[in-house]
């Protein structure tokens, strides 16, 4: 008999704890390119939006958890709220814009489910940034579309892949 989360349980398979240890030198030599590039792109996108936020009430938020449907929560890489900052720590009203940055380990099926949830929820602008292909994609009710720039209707904002990826 053993315990799992404070309850007595019959353990059918013997459990062995294993640890993989590496030296500090090996750890410091490791590269975390995906995390770095992903974070840098999110920062550059938010930075590109700053001039618009000076003249319009827009509020970019990194990694904010949102309730897109009952029991369904999503956390886009960047969400931009219009009008006023979200009133709740987990917003249940759709933002003006969500941005997903593709990572090497993203699965197409998982991404399309997430994008459709944003669309059905009522997010009017859904952008996908692909740093691997250095391309932009938008998601609409008609599907995914490669675009030559990202623009926000009714706001003085436009961003090209060349402008975003020039610093990478």
Protein backbone atom coordinates (compact mmCIF):
# COMPACT_ATOMS: atom_id res chain seq x y z
CA UNK A 1 0.00 0.00 0.00
CA UNK A 2 1.10 3.54 -0.73
CA UNK A 3 -0.31 7.03 -0.69
CA UNK A 4 -1.34 9.26 -3.57
CA UNK A 5 -2.38 12.80 -2.67
CA UNK A 6 -2.99 11.80 0.93
CA UNK A 7 -5.14 8.76 0.12
CA UNK A 8 -4.20 5.15 0.59
CA UNK A 9 -3.79 3.41 -2.75
CA UNK A 10 -2.61 0.06 -4.02
CA UNK A 11 0.41 0.67 -6.20
CA UNK A 12 0.38 -1.93 -8.97
CA UNK A 13 3.77 -1.02 -10.37
CA UNK A 14 6.81 -0.28 -8.29
CA UNK A 15 7.76 3.37 -8.52
CA UNK A 16 11.35 4.45 -8.92
CA UNK A 17 12.52 8.00 -8.68
CA UNK A 18 15.17 8.99 -11.19
CA UNK A 19 17.04 12.21 -11.55
CA UNK A 20 19.00 13.40 -14.53
CA UNK A 21 21.71 15.68 -13.34
CA UNK A 22 23.99 17.80 -15.47
CA UNK A 23 26.86 20.03 -14.58
CA UNK A 24 26.49 23.79 -14.40
CA UNK A 25 28.79 24.11 -17.42
CA UNK A 26 26.54 21.86 -19.54
CA UNK A 27 23.46 23.77 -18.43
CA UNK A 28 25.01 27.12 -19.29
CA UNK A 29 26.09 25.77 -22.69
CA UNK A 30 22.51 24.77 -23.53
CA UNK A 31 20.58 27.08 -25.83
CA UNK A 32 16.97 28.01 -25.30
CA UNK A 33 16.50 29.62 -28.69
CA UNK A 34 12.76 28.93 -28.96
CA UNK A 35 12.00 30.64 -25.68
CA UNK A 36 14.29 33.56 -26.47
CA UNK A 37 12.97 34.14 -29.99
CA UNK A 38 9.38 33.66 -28.85
CA UNK A 39 9.79 36.19 -26.05
CA UNK A 40 11.69 38.65 -28.20
CA UNK A 41 8.99 38.59 -30.89
CA UNK A 42 6.26 39.16 -28.29
CA UNK A 43 8.25 42.12 -26.94
CA UNK A 44 8.84 43.55 -30.45
CA UNK A 45 5.13 43.25 -31.27
CA UNK A 46 4.14 45.06 -28.09
CA UNK A 47 6.81 47.68 -28.75
CA UNK A 48 5.43 48.24 -32.27
CA UNK A 49 2.01 48.88 -30.73
CA UNK A 50 3.26 51.50 -28.25
CA UNK A 51 2.91 54.51 -30.61
CA UNK A 52 -0.75 53.60 -31.18
CA UNK A 53 -1.39 53.31 -27.44
CA UNK A 54 -0.27 56.92 -27.01
CA UNK A 55 -3.15 58.21 -29.15
CA UNK A 56 -5.73 55.43 -28.66
CA UNK A 57 -6.94 53.54 -25.57
CA UNK A 58 -5.28 50.20 -26.32
CA UNK A 59 -3.88 47.90 -23.65
CA UNK A 60 -1.44 45.16 -24.73
CA UNK A 61 -1.12 42.29 -22.25
CA UNK A 62 1.41 39.43 -22.30
CA UNK A 63 0.18 35.94 -21.44
CA UNK A 64 -3.15 36.96 -19.93
CA UNK A 65 -5.46 34.03 -19.25
CA UNK A 66 -8.91 34.59 -20.77
CA UNK A 67 -12.18 32.66 -20.43
CA UNK A 68 -13.22 32.12 -24.05
CA UNK A 69 -16.15 29.85 -23.16
CA UNK A 70 -17.51 28.19 -20.02
CA UNK A 71 -14.74 25.90 -18.82
CA UNK A 72 -12.38 26.94 -21.65
CA UNK A 73 -9.45 29.20 -20.86
CA UNK A 74 -6.79 30.33 -23.33
CA UNK A 75 -3.61 32.34 -22.92
CA UNK A 76 -2.43 33.98 -26.14
CA UNK A 77 1.10 35.26 -26.44
CA UNK A 78 -0.23 38.80 -26.70
CA UNK A 79 -3.74 40.21 -26.31
CA UNK A 80 -4.70 43.80 -26.99
CA UNK A 81 -7.76 45.24 -25.31
CA UNK A 82 -9.51 48.35 -26.63
CA UNK A 83 -11.37 51.03 -24.70
CA UNK A 84 -10.22 50.19 -21.20
CA UNK A 85 -8.02 47.75 -19.36
CA UNK A 86 -9.67 44.44 -18.53
CA UNK A 87 -11.73 44.72 -15.35
CA UNK A 88 -11.05 41.15 -14.23
CA UNK A 89 -7.85 39.16 -13.82
CA UNK A 90 -9.34 36.53 -16.18
CA UNK A 91 -11.23 38.52 -18.83
CA UNK A 92 -14.39 36.99 -20.24
CA UNK A 93 -14.90 39.68 -22.89
CA UNK A 94 -12.93 39.28 -26.12
CA UNK A 95 -10.00 41.61 -26.77
CA UNK A 96 -9.56 43.60 -29.98
CA UNK A 97 -6.61 41.42 -30.98
CA UNK A 98 -4.92 38.17 -30.07
CA UNK A 99 -1.50 37.19 -31.37
CA UNK A 100 -0.12 33.67 -31.36
CA UNK A 101 3.58 33.17 -32.08
CA UNK A 102 4.34 29.81 -33.65
CA UNK A 103 6.89 27.58 -31.94
CA UNK A 104 8.65 24.56 -33.41
CA UNK A 105 6.69 22.22 -31.15
CA UNK A 106 3.23 23.66 -31.94
CA UNK A 107 0.82 21.21 -33.53
CA UNK A 108 -1.30 22.50 -36.39
CA UNK A 109 -4.42 20.78 -35.06
CA UNK A 110 -4.03 22.33 -31.59
CA UNK A 111 -3.39 25.77 -33.07
CA UNK A 112 -6.44 25.64 -35.35
CA UNK A 113 -8.68 24.62 -32.42
CA UNK A 114 -7.37 27.55 -30.39
CA UNK A 115 -7.82 30.01 -33.27
CA UNK A 116 -11.38 28.83 -33.89
CA UNK A 117 -12.18 29.31 -30.20
CA UNK A 118 -10.94 32.90 -30.41
CA UNK A 119 -12.97 33.50 -33.58
CA UNK A 120 -16.21 32.03 -32.18
CA UNK A 121 -15.68 34.02 -28.97
CA UNK A 122 -15.73 37.20 -31.04
CA UNK A 123 -12.09 38.31 -31.30
CA UNK A 124 -12.13 40.54 -34.41
CA UNK A 125 -8.39 40.36 -35.13
CA UNK A 126 -6.48 37.10 -34.82
CA UNK A 127 -2.87 37.12 -35.95
CA UNK A 128 -0.37 34.30 -36.22
CA UNK A 129 3.32 35.17 -36.39
CA UNK A 130 5.55 32.46 -37.82
CA UNK A 131 9.19 33.23 -36.94
CA UNK A 132 10.43 30.09 -38.70
CA UNK A 133 9.00 31.08 -42.10
CA UNK A 134 9.12 34.82 -41.25
CA UNK A 135 5.48 35.17 -42.28
CA UNK A 136 2.25 36.59 -40.97
CA UNK A 137 -1.12 34.84 -41.11
CA UNK A 138 -4.56 36.09 -40.14
CA UNK A 139 -7.51 33.98 -39.09
CA UNK A 140 -11.00 34.92 -40.24
CA UNK A 141 -14.30 33.11 -40.64
CA UNK A 142 -13.02 32.09 -44.10
CA UNK A 143 -9.88 30.43 -42.74
CA UNK A 144 -6.19 31.21 -42.53
CA UNK A 145 -4.66 33.78 -44.89
CA UNK A 146 -1.02 34.66 -45.51
CA UNK A 147 -0.73 38.44 -45.44
CA UNK A 148 2.03 40.85 -46.42
CA UNK A 149 1.44 43.00 -43.32
CA UNK A 150 -0.55 43.09 -40.12
CA UNK A 151 -2.93 46.01 -39.77
CA UNK A 152 -5.58 47.05 -37.27
CA UNK A 153 -8.67 48.51 -38.91
CA UNK A 154 -9.54 51.94 -37.46
CA UNK A 155 -6.08 52.31 -35.91
CA UNK A 156 -2.87 53.75 -37.39
CA UNK A 157 -0.98 50.48 -37.22
CA UNK A 158 0.70 48.37 -39.87
CA UNK A 159 3.63 45.99 -39.49
CA UNK A 160 5.50 44.04 -42.16
CA UNK A 161 7.52 40.86 -41.64
CA UNK A 162 10.65 42.75 -42.75
CA UNK A 163 10.14 45.32 -39.99
CA UNK A 164 9.47 42.74 -37.28
CA UNK A 165 12.12 40.21 -38.19
CA UNK A 166 14.90 42.71 -38.99
CA UNK A 167 16.20 42.57 -35.40
CA UNK A 168 16.30 38.77 -35.19
